[in-house]
PDB file of all heavy atoms in Angstrom:
ATOM      1  N   GLU A   1    -109.080-131.568  52.679  1.00  0.00           N
ATOM      2  CA  GLU A   1    -110.235-131.699  53.568  1.00  0.00           C
ATOM      3  C   GLU A   1    -111.040-132.951  53.255  1.00  0.00           C
ATOM      4  O   GLU A   1    -111.470-133.678  54.150  1.00  0.00           O
ATOM      5  CB  GLU A   1    -111.123-130.463  53.463  1.00  0.00           C
ATOM      6  CG  GLU A   1    -110.614-129.262  54.223  1.00  0.00           C
ATOM      7  CD  GLU A   1    -111.723-128.259  54.485  1.00  0.00           C
ATOM      8  OE1 GLU A   1    -112.680-128.613  55.209  1.00  0.00           O
ATOM      9  OE2 GLU A   1    -111.630-127.140  53.955  1.00  0.00           O
ATOM     10  N   GLU A   2    -111.254-133.217  51.989  1.00  0.00           N
ATOM     11  CA  GLU A   2    -112.021-134.401  51.593  1.00  0.00           C
ATOM     12  C   GLU A   2    -111.271-135.683  51.925  1.00  0.00           C
ATOM     13  O   GLU A   2    -111.868-136.707  52.263  1.00  0.00           O
ATOM     14  CB  GLU A   2    -112.327-134.346  50.095  1.00  0.00           C
ATOM     15  CG  GLU A   2    -113.341-133.277  49.713  1.00  0.00           C
ATOM     16  CD  GLU A   2    -113.563-133.201  48.215  1.00  0.00           C
ATOM     17  OE1 GLU A   2    -113.059-134.097  47.500  1.00  0.00           O
ATOM     18  OE2 GLU A   2    -114.236-132.263  47.754  1.00  0.00           O
ATOM     19  N   ALA A   3    -109.945-135.628  51.834  1.00  0.00           N
ATOM     20  CA  ALA A   3    -109.135-136.826  52.068  1.00  0.00           C
ATOM     21  C   ALA A   3    -109.036-137.185  53.547  1.00  0.00           C
ATOM     22  O   ALA A   3    -108.807-138.351  53.890  1.00  0.00           O
ATOM     23  CB  ALA A   3    -107.731-136.619  51.491  1.00  0.00           C
ATOM     24  N   MET A   4    -109.207-136.201  54.409  1.00  0.00           N
ATOM     25  CA  MET A   4    -109.037-136.428  55.840  1.00  0.00           C
ATOM     26  C   MET A   4    -110.393-136.647  56.507  1.00  0.00           C
ATOM     27  O   MET A   4    -111.238-135.766  56.503  1.00  0.00           O
ATOM     28  CB  MET A   4    -108.348-135.215  56.493  1.00  0.00           C
ATOM     29  CG  MET A   4    -106.961-134.945  55.958  1.00  0.00           C
ATOM     30  SD  MET A   4    -105.794-136.269  56.335  1.00  0.00           S
ATOM     31  CE  MET A   4    -105.190-136.649  54.686  1.00  0.00           C
ATOM     32  N   ALA A   5    -110.568-137.811  57.110  1.00  0.00           N
ATOM     33  CA  ALA A   5    -111.856-138.123  57.737  1.00  0.00           C
ATOM     34  C   ALA A   5    -112.008-137.456  59.090  1.00  0.00           C
ATOM     35  O   ALA A   5    -113.103-137.068  59.491  1.00  0.00           O
ATOM     36  CB  ALA A   5    -112.020-139.637  57.875  1.00  0.00           C
ATOM     37  N   HIS A   6    -110.912-137.306  59.833  1.00  0.00           N
ATOM     38  CA  HIS A   6    -111.021-136.781  61.191  1.00  0.00           C
ATOM     39  C   HIS A   6    -111.192-135.261  61.168  1.00  0.00           C
ATOM     40  O   HIS A   6    -110.484-134.559  60.443  1.00  0.00           O
ATOM     41  CB  HIS A   6    -109.776-137.142  62.007  1.00  0.00           C
ATOM     42  CG  HIS A   6    -109.968-136.971  63.477  1.00  0.00           C
ATOM     43  ND1 HIS A   6    -109.943-135.749  64.099  1.00  0.00           N
ATOM     44  CD2 HIS A   6    -110.217-137.885  64.445  1.00  0.00           C
ATOM     45  CE1 HIS A   6    -110.148-135.898  65.391  1.00  0.00           C
ATOM     46  NE2 HIS A   6    -110.328-137.195  65.630  1.00  0.00           N
ATOM     47  N   PRO A   7    -112.124-134.723  61.971  1.00  0.00           N
ATOM     48  CA  PRO A   7    -112.364-133.266  61.976  1.00  0.00           C
ATOM     49  C   PRO A   7    -111.107-132.446  62.251  1.00  0.00           C
ATOM     50  O   PRO A   7    -110.948-131.352  61.691  1.00  0.00           O
ATOM     51  CB  PRO A   7    -113.406-133.082  63.086  1.00  0.00           C
ATOM     52  CG  PRO A   7    -114.111-134.396  63.166  1.00  0.00           C
ATOM     53  CD  PRO A   7    -113.080-135.428  62.861  1.00  0.00           C
ATOM     54  N   ALA A   8    -110.215-132.943  63.114  1.00  0.00           N
ATOM     55  CA  ALA A   8    -109.005-132.179  63.438  1.00  0.00           C
ATOM     56  C   ALA A   8    -108.111-132.024  62.220  1.00  0.00           C
ATOM     57  O   ALA A   8    -107.523-130.959  61.995  1.00  0.00           O
ATOM     58  CB  ALA A   8    -108.236-132.867  64.560  1.00  0.00           C
ATOM     59  N   LEU A   9    -108.019-133.067  61.397  1.00  0.00           N
ATOM     60  CA  LEU A   9    -107.173-132.984  60.212  1.00  0.00           C
ATOM     61  C   LEU A   9    -107.808-132.100  59.156  1.00  0.00           C
ATOM     62  O   LEU A   9    -107.111-131.381  58.435  1.00  0.00           O
ATOM     63  CB  LEU A   9    -106.896-134.391  59.678  1.00  0.00           C
ATOM     64  CG  LEU A   9    -106.163-135.313  60.667  1.00  0.00           C
ATOM     65  CD1 LEU A   9    -105.923-136.674  60.048  1.00  0.00           C
ATOM     66  CD2 LEU A   9    -104.843-134.693  61.116  1.00  0.00           C
ATOM     67  N   LYS A  10    -109.130-132.116  59.064  1.00  0.00           N
ATOM     68  CA  LYS A  10    -109.822-131.178  58.184  1.00  0.00           C
ATOM     69  C   LYS A  10    -109.530-129.743  58.637  1.00  0.00           C
ATOM     70  O   LYS A  10    -109.305-128.844  57.815  1.00  0.00           O
ATOM     71  CB  LYS A  10    -111.329-131.436  58.215  1.00  0.00           C
ATOM     72  CG  LYS A  10    -111.770-132.738  57.559  1.00  0.00           C
ATOM     73  CD  LYS A  10    -113.286-132.890  57.655  1.00  0.00           C
ATOM     74  CE  LYS A  10    -113.772-134.186  57.059  1.00  0.00           C
ATOM     75  NZ  LYS A  10    -113.631-134.211  55.592  1.00  0.00           N
ATOM     76  N   LEU A  11    -109.549-129.544  59.951  1.00  0.00           N
ATOM     77  CA  LEU A  11    -109.274-128.215  60.503  1.00  0.00           C
ATOM     78  C   LEU A  11    -107.891-127.736  60.096  1.00  0.00           C
ATOM     79  O   LEU A  11    -107.721-126.579  59.683  1.00  0.00           O
ATOM     80  CB  LEU A  11    -109.393-128.256  62.028  1.00  0.00           C
ATOM     81  CG  LEU A  11    -108.904-127.014  62.778  1.00  0.00           C
ATOM     82  CD1 LEU A  11    -109.830-125.841  62.488  1.00  0.00           C
ATOM     83  CD2 LEU A  11    -108.836-127.279  64.271  1.00  0.00           C
ATOM     84  N   TYR A  12    -106.896-128.620  60.176  1.00  0.00           N
ATOM     85  CA  TYR A  12    -105.541-128.200  59.839  1.00  0.00           C
ATOM     86  C   TYR A  12    -105.397-127.918  58.348  1.00  0.00           C
ATOM     87  O   TYR A  12    -104.630-127.033  57.950  1.00  0.00           O
ATOM     88  CB  TYR A  12    -104.525-129.243  60.310  1.00  0.00           C
ATOM     89  CG  TYR A  12    -104.336-129.221  61.807  1.00  0.00           C
ATOM     90  CD1 TYR A  12    -104.561-130.353  62.584  1.00  0.00           C
ATOM     91  CD2 TYR A  12    -103.952-128.050  62.460  1.00  0.00           C
ATOM     92  CE1 TYR A  12    -104.405-130.322  63.955  1.00  0.00           C
ATOM     93  CE2 TYR A  12    -103.799-128.004  63.837  1.00  0.00           C
ATOM     94  CZ  TYR A  12    -104.029-129.148  64.582  1.00  0.00           C
ATOM     95  OH  TYR A  12    -103.870-129.100  65.942  1.00  0.00           O
ATOM     96  N   ALA A  13    -106.138-128.633  57.518  1.00  0.00           N
ATOM     97  CA  ALA A  13    -106.125-128.323  56.090  1.00  0.00           C
ATOM     98  C   ALA A  13    -106.588-126.885  55.861  1.00  0.00           C
ATOM     99  O   ALA A  13    -106.011-126.151  55.040  1.00  0.00           O
ATOM    100  CB  ALA A  13    -107.019-129.303  55.327  1.00  0.00           C
ATOM    101  N   ARG A  14    -107.606-126.463  56.607  1.00  0.00           N
ATOM    102  CA  ARG A  14    -108.123-125.093  56.477  1.00  0.00           C
ATOM    103  C   ARG A  14    -107.163-124.073  57.095  1.00  0.00           C
ATOM    104  O   ARG A  14    -106.942-123.000  56.536  1.00  0.00           O
ATOM    105  CB  ARG A  14    -109.501-124.977  57.130  1.00  0.00           C
ATOM    106  CG  ARG A  14    -110.582-125.790  56.455  1.00  0.00           C
ATOM    107  CD  ARG A  14    -111.959-125.409  56.964  1.00  0.00           C
ATOM    108  NE  ARG A  14    -112.127-125.672  58.381  1.00  0.00           N
ATOM    109  CZ  ARG A  14    -112.567-126.831  58.877  1.00  0.00           C
ATOM    110  NH1 ARG A  14    -112.847-127.840  58.063  1.00  0.00           N
ATOM    111  NH2 ARG A  14    -112.715-126.995  60.176  1.00  0.00           N
ATOM    112  N   LYS A  15    -106.631-124.408  58.278  1.00  0.00           N
ATOM    113  CA  LYS A  15    -105.770-123.449  58.976  1.00  0.00           C
ATOM    114  C   LYS A  15    -104.524-123.124  58.161  1.00  0.00           C
ATOM    115  O   LYS A  15    -104.112-121.961  58.072  1.00  0.00           O
ATOM    116  CB  LYS A  15    -105.357-124.002  60.354  1.00  0.00           C
ATOM    117  CG  LYS A  15    -106.468-123.978  61.385  1.00  0.00           C
ATOM    118  CD  LYS A  15    -105.982-124.484  62.723  1.00  0.00           C
ATOM    119  CE  LYS A  15    -105.153-123.459  63.458  1.00  0.00           C
ATOM    120  NZ  LYS A  15    -105.939-122.279  63.858  1.00  0.00           N
ATOM    121  N   LEU A  16    -103.912-124.138  57.579  1.00  0.00           N
ATOM    122  CA  LEU A  16    -102.702-123.875  56.806  1.00  0.00           C
ATOM    123  C   LEU A  16    -103.002-123.068  55.556  1.00  0.00           C
ATOM    124  O   LEU A  16    -102.229-122.179  55.180  1.00  0.00           O
ATOM    125  CB  LEU A  16    -101.988-125.184  56.458  1.00  0.00           C
ATOM    126  CG  LEU A  16    -100.928-125.634  57.489  1.00  0.00           C
ATOM    127  CD1 LEU A  16    -101.587-126.081  58.793  1.00  0.00           C
ATOM    128  CD2 LEU A  16    -100.055-126.734  56.943  1.00  0.00           C
ATOM    129  N   ARG A  17    -104.116-123.368  54.907  1.00  0.00           N
ATOM    130  CA  ARG A  17    -104.480-122.591  53.716  1.00  0.00           C
ATOM    131  C   ARG A  17    -104.705-121.130  54.083  1.00  0.00           C
ATOM    132  O   ARG A  17    -104.291-120.217  53.369  1.00  0.00           O
ATOM    133  CB  ARG A  17    -105.737-123.169  53.052  1.00  0.00           C
ATOM    134  CG  ARG A  17    -106.251-122.319  51.889  1.00  0.00           C
ATOM    135  CD  ARG A  17    -105.248-122.269  50.756  1.00  0.00           C
ATOM    136  NE  ARG A  17    -105.633-121.337  49.696  1.00  0.00           N
ATOM    137  CZ  ARG A  17    -105.128-120.120  49.557  1.00  0.00           C
ATOM    138  NH1 ARG A  17    -104.222-119.660  50.423  1.00  0.00           N
ATOM    139  NH2 ARG A  17    -105.504-119.340  48.568  1.00  0.00           N
ATOM    140  N   ALA A  18    -105.365-120.882  55.215  1.00  0.00           N
ATOM    141  CA  ALA A  18    -105.667-119.508  55.641  1.00  0.00           C
ATOM    142  C   ALA A  18    -104.502-118.853  56.372  1.00  0.00           C
ATOM    143  O   ALA A  18    -104.530-117.650  56.619  1.00  0.00           O
ATOM    144  CB  ALA A  18    -106.906-119.508  56.537  1.00  0.00           C
ATOM    145  N   ARG A  19    -103.504-119.653  56.745  1.00  0.00           N
ATOM    146  CA  ARG A  19    -102.377-119.175  57.552  1.00  0.00           C
ATOM    147  C   ARG A  19    -102.898-118.497  58.822  1.00  0.00           C
ATOM    148  O   ARG A  19    -102.454-117.418  59.229  1.00  0.00           O
ATOM    149  CB  ARG A  19    -101.477-118.244  56.736  1.00  0.00           C
ATOM    150  CG  ARG A  19    -100.853-118.930  55.533  1.00  0.00           C
ATOM    151  CD  ARG A  19    -100.097-117.990  54.626  1.00  0.00           C
ATOM    152  NE  ARG A  19     -98.873-117.483  55.237  1.00  0.00           N
ATOM    153  CZ  ARG A  19     -98.055-116.616  54.651  1.00  0.00           C
ATOM    154  NH1 ARG A  19     -98.341-116.169  53.429  1.00  0.00           N
ATOM    155  NH2 ARG A  19     -96.963-116.207  55.260  1.00  0.00           N
ATOM    156  N   ASP A  20    -103.811-119.188  59.466  1.00  0.00           N
ATOM    157  CA  ASP A  20    -104.487-118.689  60.664  1.00  0.00           C
ATOM    158  C   ASP A  20    -103.999-119.495  61.860  1.00  0.00           C
ATOM    159  O   ASP A  20    -104.479-120.593  62.125  1.00  0.00           O
ATOM    160  CB  ASP A  20    -106.006-118.844  60.496  1.00  0.00           C
ATOM    161  CG  ASP A  20    -106.772-118.473  61.757  1.00  0.00           C
ATOM    162  OD1 ASP A  20    -106.211-117.734  62.595  1.00  0.00           O
ATOM    163  OD2 ASP A  20    -107.918-118.934  61.889  1.00  0.00           O
ATOM    164  N   PHE A  21    -103.027-118.946  62.602  1.00  0.00           N
ATOM    165  CA  PHE A  21    -102.368-119.726  63.647  1.00  0.00           C
ATOM    166  C   PHE A  21    -102.418-119.084  65.032  1.00  0.00           C
ATOM    167  O   PHE A  21    -101.863-119.616  65.983  1.00  0.00           O
ATOM    168  CB  PHE A  21    -100.898-119.959  63.279  1.00  0.00           C
ATOM    169  CG  PHE A  21    -100.712-120.568  61.923  1.00  0.00           C
ATOM    170  CD1 PHE A  21    -100.089-119.866  60.901  1.00  0.00           C
ATOM    171  CD2 PHE A  21    -101.176-121.848  61.658  1.00  0.00           C
ATOM    172  CE1 PHE A  21     -99.917-120.428  59.650  1.00  0.00           C
ATOM    173  CE2 PHE A  21    -101.010-122.426  60.409  1.00  0.00           C
ATOM    174  CZ  PHE A  21    -100.378-121.716  59.404  1.00  0.00           C
ATOM    175  N   GLY A  22    -103.052-117.948  65.163  1.00  0.00           N
ATOM    176  CA  GLY A  22    -103.041-117.254  66.441  1.00  0.00           C
ATOM    177  C   GLY A  22    -104.319-117.478  67.220  1.00  0.00           C
ATOM    178  O   GLY A  22    -105.168-118.282  66.861  1.00  0.00           O
ATOM    179  N   GLY A  23    -104.432-116.755  68.315  1.00  0.00           N
ATOM    180  CA  GLY A  23    -105.668-116.761  69.085  1.00  0.00           C
ATOM    181  C   GLY A  23    -105.770-117.879  70.094  1.00  0.00           C
ATOM    182  O   GLY A  23    -105.019-118.841  70.076  1.00  0.00           O
ATOM    183  N   ARG A  24    -106.733-117.743  70.967  1.00  0.00           N
ATOM    184  CA  ARG A  24    -106.976-118.707  72.031  1.00  0.00           C
ATOM    185  C   ARG A  24    -107.676-119.947  71.463  1.00  0.00           C
ATOM    186  O   ARG A  24    -108.415-119.878  70.503  1.00  0.00           O
ATOM    187  CB  ARG A  24    -107.861-118.058  73.105  1.00  0.00           C
ATOM    188  CG  ARG A  24    -108.132-118.940  74.322  1.00  0.00           C
ATOM    189  CD  ARG A  24    -109.011-118.172  75.312  1.00  0.00           C
ATOM    190  NE  ARG A  24    -109.451-119.030  76.404  1.00  0.00           N
ATOM    191  CZ  ARG A  24    -108.754-119.280  77.489  1.00  0.00           C
ATOM    192  NH1 ARG A  24    -107.560-118.739  77.632  1.00  0.00           N
ATOM    193  NH2 ARG A  24    -109.221-120.063  78.444  1.00  0.00           N
ATOM    194  N   GLY A  25    -107.421-121.072  72.083  1.00  0.00           N
ATOM    195  CA  GLY A  25    -108.149-122.276  71.710  1.00  0.00           C
ATOM    196  C   GLY A  25    -107.341-123.272  70.901  1.00  0.00           C
ATOM    197  O   GLY A  25    -107.824-124.346  70.590  1.00  0.00           O
ATOM    198  N   GLY A  26    -106.103-122.915  70.549  1.00  0.00           N
ATOM    199  CA  GLY A  26    -105.274-123.830  69.795  1.00  0.00           C
ATOM    200  C   GLY A  26    -104.355-124.645  70.673  1.00  0.00           C
ATOM    201  O   GLY A  26    -104.410-124.583  71.903  1.00  0.00           O
ATOM    202  N   PHE A  27    -103.496-125.414  70.022  1.00  0.00           N
ATOM    203  CA  PHE A  27    -102.478-126.205  70.724  1.00  0.00           C
ATOM    204  C   PHE A  27    -101.154-125.499  70.472  1.00  0.00           C
ATOM    205  O   PHE A  27    -100.678-125.440  69.341  1.00  0.00           O
ATOM    206  CB  PHE A  27    -102.474-127.630  70.179  1.00  0.00           C
ATOM    207  CG  PHE A  27    -101.538-128.557  70.901  1.00  0.00           C
ATOM    208  CD1 PHE A  27    -101.306-128.424  72.255  1.00  0.00           C
ATOM    209  CD2 PHE A  27    -100.896-129.575  70.217  1.00  0.00           C
ATOM    210  CE1 PHE A  27    -100.456-129.278  72.930  1.00  0.00           C
ATOM    211  CE2 PHE A  27    -100.044-130.445  70.874  1.00  0.00           C
ATOM    212  CZ  PHE A  27     -99.826-130.296  72.233  1.00  0.00           C
ATOM    213  N   THR A  28    -100.556-124.939  71.507  1.00  0.00           N
ATOM    214  CA  THR A  28     -99.415-124.058  71.332  1.00  0.00           C
ATOM    215  C   THR A  28     -98.171-124.790  70.841  1.00  0.00           C
ATOM    216  O   THR A  28     -98.004-125.988  71.037  1.00  0.00           O
ATOM    217  CB  THR A  28     -99.055-123.329  72.632  1.00  0.00           C
ATOM    218  OG1 THR A  28     -98.613-124.294  73.598  1.00  0.00           O
ATOM    219  CG2 THR A  28    -100.242-122.538  73.179  1.00  0.00           C
ATOM    220  N   MET A  29     -97.288-124.016  70.224  1.00  0.00           N
ATOM    221  CA  MET A  29     -96.031-124.562  69.725  1.00  0.00           C
ATOM    222  C   MET A  29     -95.194-125.131  70.871  1.00  0.00           C
ATOM    223  O   MET A  29     -94.570-126.191  70.720  1.00  0.00           O
ATOM    224  CB  MET A  29     -95.246-123.464  68.998  1.00  0.00           C
ATOM    225  CG  MET A  29     -94.035-123.962  68.243  1.00  0.00           C
ATOM    226  SD  MET A  29     -94.485-124.894  66.764  1.00  0.00           S
ATOM    227  CE  MET A  29     -95.105-123.580  65.704  1.00  0.00           C
ATOM    228  N   THR A  30     -95.175-124.446  72.013  1.00  0.00           N
ATOM    229  CA  THR A  30     -94.390-124.960  73.143  1.00  0.00           C
ATOM    230  C   THR A  30     -94.959-126.284  73.645  1.00  0.00           C
ATOM    231  O   THR A  30     -94.206-127.211  73.959  1.00  0.00           O
ATOM    232  CB  THR A  30     -94.350-123.937  74.288  1.00  0.00           C
ATOM    233  OG1 THR A  30     -95.692-123.531  74.622  1.00  0.00           O
ATOM    234  CG2 THR A  30     -93.549-122.706  73.901  1.00  0.00           C
ATOM    235  N   GLY A  31     -96.279-126.374  73.718  1.00  0.00           N
ATOM    236  CA  GLY A  31     -96.892-127.637  74.126  1.00  0.00           C
ATOM    237  C   GLY A  31     -96.641-128.726  73.102  1.00  0.00           C
ATOM    238  O   GLY A  31     -96.354-129.881  73.460  1.00  0.00           O
ATOM    239  N   GLY A  32     -96.726-128.384  71.822  1.00  0.00           N
ATOM    240  CA  GLY A  32     -96.470-129.358  70.776  1.00  0.00           C
ATOM    241  C   GLY A  32     -95.037-129.836  70.779  1.00  0.00           C
ATOM    242  O   GLY A  32     -94.758-131.028  70.590  1.00  0.00           O
ATOM    243  N   ASN A  33     -94.100-128.924  71.015  1.00  0.00           N
ATOM    244  CA  ASN A  33     -92.685-129.295  71.063  1.00  0.00           C
ATOM    245  C   ASN A  33     -92.425-130.264  72.212  1.00  0.00           C
ATOM    246  O   ASN A  33     -91.656-131.227  72.064  1.00  0.00           O
ATOM    247  CB  ASN A  33     -91.816-128.044  71.212  1.00  0.00           C
ATOM    248  CG  ASN A  33     -90.347-128.348  71.092  1.00  0.00           C
ATOM    249  OD1 ASN A  33     -89.903-128.993  70.153  1.00  0.00           O
ATOM    250  ND2 ASN A  33     -89.571-127.882  72.051  1.00  0.00           N
ATOM    251  N   LYS A  34     -93.099-130.030  73.329  1.00  0.00           N
ATOM    252  CA  LYS A  34     -92.959-130.965  74.455  1.00  0.00           C
ATOM    253  C   LYS A  34     -93.462-132.348  74.073  1.00  0.00           C
ATOM    254  O   LYS A  34     -92.819-133.371  74.343  1.00  0.00           O
ATOM    255  CB  LYS A  34     -93.731-130.420  75.662  1.00  0.00           C
ATOM    256  CG  LYS A  34     -93.652-131.269  76.922  1.00  0.00           C
ATOM    257  CD  LYS A  34     -94.815-132.242  77.078  1.00  0.00           C
ATOM    258  CE  LYS A  34     -96.137-131.525  77.255  1.00  0.00           C
ATOM    259  NZ  LYS A  34     -97.243-132.495  77.504  1.00  0.00           N
ATOM    260  N   ASP A  35     -94.605-132.392  73.401  1.00  0.00           N
ATOM    261  CA  ASP A  35     -95.175-133.686  73.004  1.00  0.00           C
ATOM    262  C   ASP A  35     -94.300-134.404  71.983  1.00  0.00           C
ATOM    263  O   ASP A  35     -94.102-135.623  72.069  1.00  0.00           O
ATOM    264  CB  ASP A  35     -96.580-133.488  72.430  1.00  0.00           C
ATOM    265  CG  ASP A  35     -97.627-133.282  73.518  1.00  0.00           C
ATOM    266  OD1 ASP A  35     -97.232-133.087  74.673  1.00  0.00           O
ATOM    267  OD2 ASP A  35     -98.828-133.310  73.190  1.00  0.00           O
ATOM    268  N   VAL A  36     -93.767-133.657  71.012  1.00  0.00           N
ATOM    269  CA  VAL A  36     -92.911-134.284  70.011  1.00  0.00           C
ATOM    270  C   VAL A  36     -91.636-134.827  70.658  1.00  0.00           C
ATOM    271  O   VAL A  36     -91.147-135.903  70.304  1.00  0.00           O
ATOM    272  CB  VAL A  36     -92.578-133.297  68.869  1.00  0.00           C
ATOM    273  CG1 VAL A  36     -91.519-133.876  67.929  1.00  0.00           C
ATOM    274  CG2 VAL A  36     -93.836-132.972  68.076  1.00  0.00           C
ATOM    275  N   SER A  37     -91.117-134.099  71.649  1.00  0.00           N
ATOM    276  CA  SER A  37     -89.941-134.596  72.379  1.00  0.00           C
ATOM    277  C   SER A  37     -90.255-135.914  73.073  1.00  0.00           C
ATOM    278  O   SER A  37     -89.430-136.844  73.070  1.00  0.00           O
ATOM    279  CB  SER A  37     -89.486-133.553  73.412  1.00  0.00           C
ATOM    280  OG  SER A  37     -89.083-132.357  72.776  1.00  0.00           O
ATOM    281  N   LEU A  38     -91.445-136.010  73.666  1.00  0.00           N
ATOM    282  CA  LEU A  38     -91.856-137.262  74.300  1.00  0.00           C
ATOM    283  C   LEU A  38     -91.980-138.378  73.265  1.00  0.00           C
ATOM    284  O   LEU A  38     -91.588-139.533  73.511  1.00  0.00           O
ATOM    285  CB  LEU A  38     -93.193-137.081  75.022  1.00  0.00           C
ATOM    286  CG  LEU A  38     -93.213-136.184  76.256  1.00  0.00           C
ATOM    287  CD1 LEU A  38     -94.641-136.049  76.779  1.00  0.00           C
ATOM    288  CD2 LEU A  38     -92.319-136.749  77.355  1.00  0.00           C
ATOM    289  N   MET A  39     -92.535-138.054  72.083  1.00  0.00           N
ATOM    290  CA  MET A  39     -92.675-139.051  71.019  1.00  0.00           C
ATOM    291  C   MET A  39     -91.321-139.600  70.602  1.00  0.00           C
ATOM    292  O   MET A  39     -91.136-140.819  70.462  1.00  0.00           O
ATOM    293  CB  MET A  39     -93.346-138.420  69.795  1.00  0.00           C
ATOM    294  CG  MET A  39     -94.751-137.910  69.988  1.00  0.00           C
ATOM    295  SD  MET A  39     -95.213-136.887  68.556  1.00  0.00           S
ATOM    296  CE  MET A  39     -96.519-135.904  69.274  1.00  0.00           C
ATOM    297  N   LEU A  40     -90.351-138.712  70.384  1.00  0.00           N
ATOM    298  CA  LEU A  40     -89.033-139.124  69.928  1.00  0.00           C
ATOM    299  C   LEU A  40     -88.317-139.952  70.987  1.00  0.00           C
ATOM    300  O   LEU A  40     -87.645-140.944  70.664  1.00  0.00           O
ATOM    301  CB  LEU A  40     -88.200-137.898  69.553  1.00  0.00           C
ATOM    302  CG  LEU A  40     -88.703-137.108  68.340  1.00  0.00           C
ATOM    303  CD1 LEU A  40     -87.881-135.837  68.150  1.00  0.00           C
ATOM    304  CD2 LEU A  40     -88.665-137.955  67.077  1.00  0.00           C
ATOM    305  N   LYS A  41     -88.471-139.570  72.239  1.00  0.00           N
ATOM    306  CA  LYS A  41     -87.831-140.322  73.324  1.00  0.00           C
ATOM    307  C   LYS A  41     -88.430-141.721  73.435  1.00  0.00           C
ATOM    308  O   LYS A  41     -87.713-142.721  73.508  1.00  0.00           O
ATOM    309  CB  LYS A  41     -87.986-139.577  74.644  1.00  0.00           C
ATOM    310  CG  LYS A  41     -87.351-140.273  75.843  1.00  0.00           C
ATOM    311  CD  LYS A  41     -87.451-139.400  77.089  1.00  0.00           C
ATOM    312  CE  LYS A  41     -86.763-140.050  78.288  1.00  0.00           C
ATOM    313  NZ  LYS A  41     -87.457-141.265  78.739  1.00  0.00           N
ATOM    314  N   ALA A  42     -89.768-141.791  73.441  1.00  0.00           N
ATOM    315  CA  ALA A  42     -90.435-143.078  73.609  1.00  0.00           C
ATOM    316  C   ALA A  42     -90.166-144.016  72.432  1.00  0.00           C
ATOM    317  O   ALA A  42     -89.921-145.214  72.614  1.00  0.00           O
ATOM    318  CB  ALA A  42     -91.936-142.873  73.786  1.00  0.00           C
TER     319      ALA A  42
END
């Protein structure tokens, strides 16, 4: 958390420690997989 300046990266440091991945308001795995596919293609 201290090493990451951006709030989103601080959030992920907390989420992984808590193993808290469910609920509304996140970025879904299916949406993320689509984005990563676009990254790899581009």
